[in-house]
């Protein structure tokens, strides 16, 4: 019997709203704490906050992939969201740079443990299209970022306690929205498994037993059926490249194109993704389409870096490069999520575990990229060749464009003996 109290669209939007609110909190505190730390300590310690945040996400994602049954429990997910919010709030009371980096690591740990579980619960909304689920999730994140950047423009930067109190409130709201949605989704999941699992005793099997048996089957299966390593590494490399220009632009603009505000690329990136994420994602239906989108994503990165390499002293070039960079994320992000979900479904693998592993590599890419962005800029300056860092990024992106055409799709299909969806 259908659960009339379960509304998948309503629960999906509960998650979207919670994610948007928390993303606003992240956008509010990140530029403020980095700039304040750089002002009072050094650029190294400012970068260490972002490094610690991404390192925590790596560790959290790794823990979630090793212990999916614990990490994916509704109370665990909400608890990890609160862990991130409380750790961030504590940063308002810290006076040492190393302590800020340490609590950023703790906040990242909560983020890394909770976000894969969020994706796992979205995938339990089987009545809704997977591509739309992930494109709307990306849209919600970007809407939250825009709101956070706007809020950061009028919140007093000299009062970090007010800033991080607002951040804590956003994460409390996020945790509550997620908990309400996850409880409803979990109840519906038990009913769904009871109705669709074969071998039941004339449809009268125990729902909890059915759920346990199916989860055990998925976990056992995931040990023997796994996505290829190159698929995960491609994700890490993409985000490593994609995050570097956001740091590179911040260093490049004051030196070479001071006629535009340093925040311009951030606003453009968010707005482009907001306007184009959903309509573009809907055009990918087949598995082949999603792999084509991965390749287009890398191609956009390549073109973005080439523009900066050739016309780096032009403000128009910086804006064009930021737009191309945004389109790269529009094409790449949701399609990678869909491919991971489809693999888990067809190979009978544990979806939450695969999503945790995917986020592990994405966080590793962000972590390495956040540090490498500054290192490459310094290298280019020391060699008196401001185009060098963009040249290296363009070369790496071109290699990934080539690999995304045949090599990665072939490994993906062979991993679980999967035939391409039509």
Protein backbone atom coordinates (compact mmCIF):
# COMPACT_ATOMS: atom_id res chain seq x y z
CA UNK A 1 0.00 0.00 0.00
CA UNK A 2 1.29 3.41 -0.95
CA UNK A 3 2.31 5.67 1.90
CA UNK A 4 0.07 8.69 1.38
CA UNK A 5 1.97 10.66 4.01
CA UNK A 6 5.16 10.45 1.95
CA UNK A 7 5.66 13.28 -0.52
CA UNK A 8 9.03 12.85 -2.30
CA UNK A 9 9.00 16.34 -3.81
CA UNK A 10 8.33 17.96 -0.42
CA UNK A 11 11.16 16.01 1.25
CA UNK A 12 13.54 16.79 -1.61
CA UNK A 13 12.83 20.50 -1.19
CA UNK A 14 13.33 20.25 2.57
CA UNK A 15 16.84 18.98 1.81
CA UNK A 16 17.44 21.64 -0.85
CA UNK A 17 16.38 24.47 1.47
CA UNK A 18 18.56 23.13 4.28
CA UNK A 19 21.56 22.85 1.97
CA UNK A 20 20.98 26.37 0.62
CA UNK A 21 20.85 27.82 4.14
CA UNK A 22 24.07 26.06 5.17
CA UNK A 23 25.81 27.07 1.92
CA UNK A 24 24.92 30.66 2.74
CA UNK A 25 26.64 30.25 6.07
CA UNK A 26 29.75 28.86 4.38
CA UNK A 27 29.86 31.75 1.89
CA UNK A 28 29.42 34.20 4.76
CA UNK A 29 32.33 33.08 6.90
CA UNK A 30 34.90 31.85 4.35
CA UNK A 31 36.05 35.16 2.79
CA UNK A 32 35.89 36.93 6.17
CA UNK A 33 37.94 34.44 8.18
CA UNK A 34 40.51 34.02 5.40
CA UNK A 35 40.99 37.76 4.97
CA UNK A 36 41.10 38.40 8.74
CA UNK A 37 43.61 35.60 9.29
CA UNK A 38 45.77 36.85 6.45
CA UNK A 39 45.65 40.36 7.92
CA UNK A 40 46.61 39.36 11.47
CA UNK A 41 48.95 36.43 10.74
CA UNK A 42 50.04 35.54 7.19
CA UNK A 43 48.85 34.20 3.88
CA UNK A 44 50.18 30.77 4.82
CA UNK A 45 47.96 30.55 7.89
CA UNK A 46 45.01 31.91 5.90
CA UNK A 47 45.52 29.11 3.36
CA UNK A 48 45.90 26.59 6.18
CA UNK A 49 42.26 27.17 7.16
CA UNK A 50 41.03 26.12 3.72
CA UNK A 51 43.54 23.27 3.68
CA UNK A 52 42.36 22.05 7.08
CA UNK A 53 38.72 22.31 6.02
CA UNK A 54 39.32 20.16 2.93
CA UNK A 55 41.56 17.74 4.82
CA UNK A 56 38.73 17.21 7.30
CA UNK A 57 36.35 16.51 4.42
CA UNK A 58 38.79 13.94 3.06
CA UNK A 59 39.02 12.18 6.42
CA UNK A 60 35.25 12.35 6.92
CA UNK A 61 34.55 10.97 3.45
CA UNK A 62 37.02 8.16 4.06
CA UNK A 63 35.34 7.31 7.36
CA UNK A 64 31.93 7.39 5.69
CA UNK A 65 33.10 4.99 2.97
CA UNK A 66 34.51 2.55 5.56
CA UNK A 67 31.50 2.66 7.89
CA UNK A 68 28.50 3.48 5.64
CA UNK A 69 25.85 1.98 7.96
CA UNK A 70 26.91 4.32 10.77
CA UNK A 71 27.57 7.41 8.65
CA UNK A 72 24.26 7.13 6.77
CA UNK A 73 22.01 6.90 9.84
CA UNK A 74 19.71 9.97 10.05
CA UNK A 75 20.86 10.88 13.57
CA UNK A 76 24.52 10.50 12.55
CA UNK A 77 24.05 12.77 9.54
CA UNK A 78 22.28 15.46 11.57
CA UNK A 79 24.87 15.12 14.34
CA UNK A 80 27.73 15.58 11.91
CA UNK A 81 26.03 18.69 10.50
CA UNK A 82 25.83 20.10 14.02
CA UNK A 83 29.48 19.15 14.59
CA UNK A 84 30.45 21.32 11.61
CA UNK A 85 28.35 24.25 12.83
CA UNK A 86 29.64 24.12 16.42
CA UNK A 87 33.27 23.80 15.29
CA UNK A 88 32.85 26.86 13.09
CA UNK A 89 31.20 28.84 15.90
CA UNK A 90 34.15 28.08 18.18
CA UNK A 91 36.48 29.77 15.67
CA UNK A 92 35.06 33.13 16.74
CA UNK A 93 36.70 32.69 20.16
CA UNK A 94 40.15 31.49 19.01
CA UNK A 95 43.18 33.79 18.98
CA UNK A 96 45.86 31.43 17.62
CA UNK A 97 46.22 30.68 13.90
CA UNK A 98 46.98 27.00 14.49
CA UNK A 99 43.79 26.68 16.54
CA UNK A 100 41.74 28.16 13.69
CA UNK A 101 43.23 25.58 11.33
CA UNK A 102 42.54 22.78 13.83
CA UNK A 103 38.87 23.70 14.22
CA UNK A 104 38.56 24.11 10.46
CA UNK A 105 39.76 20.51 10.25
CA UNK A 106 37.05 19.47 12.74
CA UNK A 107 34.39 21.35 10.75
CA UNK A 108 35.55 19.65 7.56
CA UNK A 109 35.29 16.28 9.28
CA UNK A 110 31.61 16.91 10.00
CA UNK A 111 31.04 18.03 6.43
CA UNK A 112 32.79 15.01 4.95
CA UNK A 113 30.77 12.61 7.09
CA UNK A 114 27.37 14.21 6.43
CA UNK A 115 27.28 15.20 2.76
CA UNK A 116 27.55 11.71 1.19
CA UNK A 117 24.71 10.60 3.44
CA UNK A 118 22.64 13.52 2.16
CA UNK A 119 23.18 12.33 -1.42
CA UNK A 120 22.30 8.79 -0.39
CA UNK A 121 18.93 9.91 0.97
CA UNK A 122 18.22 11.92 -2.17
CA UNK A 123 18.74 8.74 -4.18
CA UNK A 124 16.10 6.97 -2.08
CA UNK A 125 13.53 9.31 -3.68
CA UNK A 126 13.02 6.84 -6.52
CA UNK A 127 9.91 8.62 -7.76
CA UNK A 128 12.06 11.58 -8.86
CA UNK A 129 14.54 11.83 -11.75
CA UNK A 130 18.17 11.41 -10.67
CA UNK A 131 19.53 14.06 -13.03
CA UNK A 132 17.02 16.62 -11.72
CA UNK A 133 17.81 15.70 -8.11
CA UNK A 134 21.49 16.47 -8.44
CA UNK A 135 21.10 19.51 -10.68
CA UNK A 136 18.63 21.02 -8.18
CA UNK A 137 21.03 20.20 -5.36
CA UNK A 138 23.79 22.11 -7.18
CA UNK A 139 21.31 24.93 -7.82
CA UNK A 140 20.42 25.11 -4.11
CA UNK A 141 24.10 25.25 -3.16
CA UNK A 142 24.75 28.11 -5.57
CA UNK A 143 21.69 30.06 -4.42
CA UNK A 144 22.94 29.76 -0.86
CA UNK A 145 26.41 30.94 -1.87
CA UNK A 146 25.02 34.06 -3.55
CA UNK A 147 22.96 34.85 -0.45
CA UNK A 148 25.99 34.30 1.77
CA UNK A 149 28.21 36.59 -0.31
CA UNK A 150 25.53 39.29 -0.18
CA UNK A 151 25.22 38.93 3.58
CA UNK A 152 29.00 39.12 3.98
CA UNK A 153 28.95 42.53 2.32
CA UNK A 154 27.06 44.17 5.22
CA UNK A 155 27.87 42.00 8.25
CA UNK A 156 30.56 43.78 10.34
CA UNK A 157 33.85 41.95 9.74
CA UNK A 158 35.37 43.12 12.99
CA UNK A 159 32.83 41.11 15.01
CA UNK A 160 33.51 37.47 14.27
CA UNK A 161 31.17 36.40 17.08
CA UNK A 162 28.19 37.82 15.16
CA UNK A 163 29.38 36.25 11.92
CA UNK A 164 29.82 32.78 13.37
CA UNK A 165 26.61 32.99 15.43
CA UNK A 166 24.75 33.45 12.13
CA UNK A 167 26.72 30.51 10.71
CA UNK A 168 25.77 28.31 13.69
CA UNK A 169 22.08 29.16 13.24
CA UNK A 170 22.25 28.19 9.55
CA UNK A 171 23.69 24.77 10.41
CA UNK A 172 21.11 24.14 13.14
CA UNK A 173 18.37 24.85 10.59
CA UNK A 174 20.12 22.58 8.07
CA UNK A 175 20.32 19.72 10.60
CA UNK A 176 16.62 20.02 11.51
CA UNK A 177 15.44 20.13 7.89
CA UNK A 178 17.57 17.10 7.05
CA UNK A 179 16.34 15.12 10.07
CA UNK A 180 12.67 15.70 9.19
CA UNK A 181 13.22 14.73 5.56
CA UNK A 182 15.38 11.68 6.33
CA UNK A 183 12.89 10.22 8.81
CA UNK A 184 10.11 10.42 6.22
CA UNK A 185 12.32 8.94 3.51
CA UNK A 186 13.49 6.10 5.78
CA UNK A 187 9.91 5.11 6.63
CA UNK A 188 8.96 5.03 2.98
CA UNK A 189 12.11 3.02 2.14
CA UNK A 190 11.05 0.19 4.46
CA UNK A 191 7.64 0.01 2.80
CA UNK A 192 9.23 0.09 -0.65
CA UNK A 193 11.65 -2.76 0.16
CA UNK A 194 8.85 -4.88 1.61
CA UNK A 195 6.84 -4.55 -1.61
CA UNK A 196 9.66 -4.98 -4.14
CA UNK A 197 11.99 -7.57 -2.62
CA UNK A 198 11.53 -11.00 -4.17
CA UNK A 199 11.31 -14.18 -2.14
CA UNK A 200 8.98 -12.76 0.47
CA UNK A 201 6.40 -14.97 2.10
CA UNK A 202 3.39 -13.91 -0.04
CA UNK A 203 4.23 -10.28 0.64
CA UNK A 204 4.08 -10.72 4.44
CA UNK A 205 7.80 -10.58 5.26
CA UNK A 206 9.11 -8.40 8.04
CA UNK A 207 10.01 -4.95 6.55
CA UNK A 208 13.00 -4.48 8.85
CA UNK A 209 14.30 -7.93 7.94
CA UNK A 210 13.90 -7.18 4.26
CA UNK A 211 15.79 -3.91 4.60
CA UNK A 212 18.60 -5.57 6.53
CA UNK A 213 18.95 -8.38 4.01
CA UNK A 214 19.07 -6.02 1.04
CA UNK A 215 21.58 -3.72 2.71
CA UNK A 216 23.77 -6.70 3.53
CA UNK A 217 23.58 -7.85 -0.08
CA UNK A 218 24.59 -4.41 -1.34
CA UNK A 219 27.51 -4.10 1.04
CA UNK A 220 28.77 -7.58 0.13
CA UNK A 221 28.37 -6.82 -3.55
CA UNK A 222 30.20 -3.50 -3.29
CA UNK A 223 33.32 -5.29 -2.11
CA UNK A 224 33.60 -7.15 -5.40
CA UNK A 225 32.12 -4.49 -7.71
CA UNK A 226 33.81 -1.11 -7.53
CA UNK A 227 34.16 1.91 -9.75
CA UNK A 228 37.58 2.10 -11.45
CA UNK A 229 40.25 4.14 -9.71
CA UNK A 230 40.68 6.39 -12.75
CA UNK A 231 37.02 7.40 -12.46
CA UNK A 232 37.64 8.69 -8.93
CA UNK A 233 40.98 10.26 -9.85
CA UNK A 234 39.32 12.11 -12.73
CA UNK A 235 36.94 13.67 -10.20
CA UNK A 236 39.85 14.66 -7.94
CA UNK A 237 41.79 16.20 -10.84
CA UNK A 238 38.75 18.14 -12.08
CA UNK A 239 38.14 19.84 -8.72
CA UNK A 240 41.87 20.35 -8.18
CA UNK A 241 41.94 22.34 -11.43
CA UNK A 242 38.57 24.02 -10.88
CA UNK A 243 39.39 25.40 -7.42
CA UNK A 244 42.80 26.83 -8.37
CA UNK A 245 41.52 29.74 -10.51
CA UNK A 246 39.34 30.93 -7.64
CA UNK A 247 42.58 31.38 -5.68
CA UNK A 248 44.54 32.40 -8.76
CA UNK A 249 42.01 35.10 -9.65
CA UNK A 250 42.28 36.58 -6.16
CA UNK A 251 46.04 36.90 -6.61
CA UNK A 252 45.97 37.80 -10.30
CA UNK A 253 43.36 40.57 -10.34
CA UNK A 254 45.02 43.04 -7.91
CA UNK A 255 48.32 42.69 -9.78
CA UNK A 256 47.29 42.59 -13.44
CA UNK A 257 43.65 43.75 -13.75
CA UNK A 258 43.00 46.08 -10.80
CA UNK A 259 40.22 47.87 -12.71
CA UNK A 260 37.71 45.13 -11.73
CA UNK A 261 36.72 44.09 -8.17
CA UNK A 262 38.46 40.99 -6.91
CA UNK A 263 35.09 39.38 -6.11
CA UNK A 264 33.92 39.48 -9.74
CA UNK A 265 34.81 35.84 -10.61
CA UNK A 266 32.98 34.53 -7.53
CA UNK A 267 29.75 36.34 -8.40
CA UNK A 268 29.93 35.28 -12.03
CA UNK A 269 30.59 31.65 -11.14
CA UNK A 270 27.59 31.45 -8.84
CA UNK A 271 25.20 33.25 -11.18
CA UNK A 272 26.15 31.27 -14.29
CA UNK A 273 25.64 28.00 -12.46
CA UNK A 274 22.30 29.18 -11.05
CA UNK A 275 20.91 30.09 -14.47
CA UNK A 276 22.28 27.19 -16.52
CA UNK A 277 22.63 24.20 -14.16
CA UNK A 278 19.12 22.75 -14.41
CA UNK A 279 18.36 23.38 -18.13
CA UNK A 280 21.72 21.94 -19.22
CA UNK A 281 21.57 18.93 -16.88
CA UNK A 282 18.14 17.95 -18.23
CA UNK A 283 19.68 17.41 -21.67
CA UNK A 284 21.68 14.43 -20.45
CA UNK A 285 19.56 11.26 -20.37
CA UNK A 286 21.68 8.33 -21.53
CA UNK A 287 24.89 7.20 -19.86
CA UNK A 288 26.67 8.24 -23.06
CA UNK A 289 25.32 11.78 -22.63
CA UNK A 290 26.70 12.05 -19.12
CA UNK A 291 30.17 10.95 -20.22
CA UNK A 292 30.01 13.53 -23.00
CA UNK A 293 29.17 16.14 -20.35
CA UNK A 294 32.25 15.11 -18.32
CA UNK A 295 34.39 15.71 -21.39
CA UNK A 296 32.73 19.07 -22.07
CA UNK A 297 33.40 20.03 -18.44
CA UNK A 298 37.13 19.44 -18.88
CA UNK A 299 37.06 21.20 -22.25
CA UNK A 300 35.58 24.30 -20.58
CA UNK A 301 38.41 24.26 -18.03
CA UNK A 302 40.96 23.98 -20.83
CA UNK A 303 39.50 26.95 -22.71
CA UNK A 304 39.30 28.97 -19.47
CA UNK A 305 43.00 28.45 -18.79
CA UNK A 306 43.98 29.18 -22.40
CA UNK A 307 42.16 32.52 -22.25
CA UNK A 308 44.08 33.48 -19.09
CA UNK A 309 47.36 32.23 -20.55
CA UNK A 310 47.04 34.35 -23.72
CA UNK A 311 45.08 37.41 -22.55
CA UNK A 312 45.80 37.47 -18.82
CA UNK A 313 46.28 41.26 -18.66
CA UNK A 314 42.75 41.91 -19.93
CA UNK A 315 39.80 42.35 -17.58
CA UNK A 316 37.51 40.97 -20.27
CA UNK A 317 39.65 37.84 -20.42
CA UNK A 318 39.34 37.32 -16.66
CA UNK A 319 35.54 37.58 -16.90
CA UNK A 320 35.45 35.23 -19.91
CA UNK A 321 37.67 32.75 -18.12
CA UNK A 322 35.43 32.80 -15.03
CA UNK A 323 32.34 32.15 -17.18
CA UNK A 324 34.02 29.19 -18.93
CA UNK A 325 35.12 27.84 -15.56
CA UNK A 326 31.53 27.99 -14.33
CA UNK A 327 30.23 26.12 -17.37
CA UNK A 328 32.80 23.42 -16.68
CA UNK A 329 31.22 22.85 -13.26
CA UNK A 330 27.70 22.99 -14.75
CA UNK A 331 28.47 20.13 -17.12
CA UNK A 332 30.72 18.03 -14.90
CA UNK A 333 29.28 17.93 -11.36
CA UNK A 334 25.72 16.55 -11.74
CA UNK A 335 26.70 14.08 -14.48
CA UNK A 336 29.37 12.53 -12.27
CA UNK A 337 26.80 12.08 -9.48
CA UNK A 338 24.35 10.42 -11.89
CA UNK A 339 27.00 8.05 -13.27
CA UNK A 340 27.96 7.00 -9.74
CA UNK A 341 24.32 6.42 -8.78
CA UNK A 342 23.59 4.42 -11.94
CA UNK A 343 26.63 2.23 -11.38
CA UNK A 344 25.55 1.51 -7.80
CA UNK A 345 22.03 0.66 -8.95
CA UNK A 346 23.03 -1.67 -11.79
CA UNK A 347 25.92 -3.32 -9.98
CA UNK A 348 23.88 -3.69 -6.75
CA UNK A 349 26.59 -1.79 -4.86
CA UNK A 350 26.11 0.34 -1.74
CA UNK A 351 25.24 3.83 -3.00
CA UNK A 352 26.18 5.67 0.19
CA UNK A 353 29.58 4.00 0.24
CA UNK A 354 30.30 4.97 -3.37
CA UNK A 355 29.14 8.53 -2.76
CA UNK A 356 31.42 8.78 0.28
CA UNK A 357 34.36 7.56 -1.78
CA UNK A 358 33.50 10.00 -4.55
CA UNK A 359 33.45 12.90 -2.08
CA UNK A 360 36.73 11.65 -0.61
CA UNK A 361 38.48 12.14 -3.95
CA UNK A 362 36.68 15.43 -4.62
CA UNK A 363 37.82 16.78 -1.27
CA UNK A 364 41.35 15.58 -1.96
CA UNK A 365 41.25 17.51 -5.22
CA UNK A 366 40.00 20.65 -3.47
CA UNK A 367 42.63 20.26 -0.75
CA UNK A 368 45.54 19.90 -3.17
CA UNK A 369 44.15 22.55 -5.52
CA UNK A 370 43.69 25.16 -2.79
CA UNK A 371 47.37 24.93 -1.89
CA UNK A 372 48.65 24.44 -5.45
CA UNK A 373 46.86 27.57 -6.67
CA UNK A 374 49.06 29.78 -4.54
CA UNK A 375 52.19 27.73 -5.18
CA UNK A 376 51.78 27.89 -8.97
CA UNK A 377 51.17 31.64 -8.83
CA UNK A 378 54.33 32.15 -6.76
CA UNK A 379 56.25 29.90 -9.17
CA UNK A 380 55.11 31.95 -12.17
CA UNK A 381 56.09 35.17 -10.42
CA UNK A 382 59.54 33.87 -9.44
CA UNK A 383 60.19 32.87 -13.06
CA UNK A 384 58.85 36.20 -14.35
CA UNK A 385 56.33 34.38 -16.51
CA UNK A 386 52.76 35.22 -15.37
CA UNK A 387 51.30 32.80 -17.94
CA UNK A 388 53.17 29.76 -16.62
CA UNK A 389 50.59 28.65 -14.04
CA UNK A 390 47.77 28.90 -16.59
CA UNK A 391 49.86 26.99 -19.14
CA UNK A 392 50.37 24.09 -16.73
CA UNK A 393 46.65 23.97 -15.90
CA UNK A 394 45.69 24.07 -19.59
CA UNK A 395 48.05 21.21 -20.41
CA UNK A 396 46.66 19.04 -17.62
CA UNK A 397 43.06 19.79 -18.63
CA UNK A 398 43.78 18.84 -22.25
CA UNK A 399 45.09 15.45 -21.14
CA UNK A 400 41.87 14.85 -19.17
CA UNK A 401 39.72 15.90 -22.17
CA UNK A 402 41.39 13.14 -24.19
CA UNK A 403 41.07 10.52 -21.44
CA UNK A 404 37.40 11.39 -20.84
CA UNK A 405 36.52 10.54 -24.45
CA UNK A 406 37.25 6.79 -24.45
CA UNK A 407 39.46 5.57 -21.60
CA UNK A 408 37.29 6.47 -18.60
CA UNK A 409 33.93 5.40 -20.16
CA UNK A 410 35.43 2.05 -21.19
CA UNK A 411 36.75 1.35 -17.68
CA UNK A 412 33.38 2.36 -16.21
CA UNK A 413 31.43 -0.08 -18.39
CA UNK A 414 33.90 -2.93 -17.85
CA UNK A 415 33.95 -2.51 -14.06
CA UNK A 416 30.52 -4.04 -13.55
CA UNK A 417 29.96 -5.52 -17.00
CA UNK A 418 27.39 -2.82 -17.54
CA UNK A 419 25.80 -2.05 -20.86
CA UNK A 420 25.30 1.54 -21.83
CA UNK A 421 21.86 2.90 -20.96
CA UNK A 422 19.74 3.99 -23.89
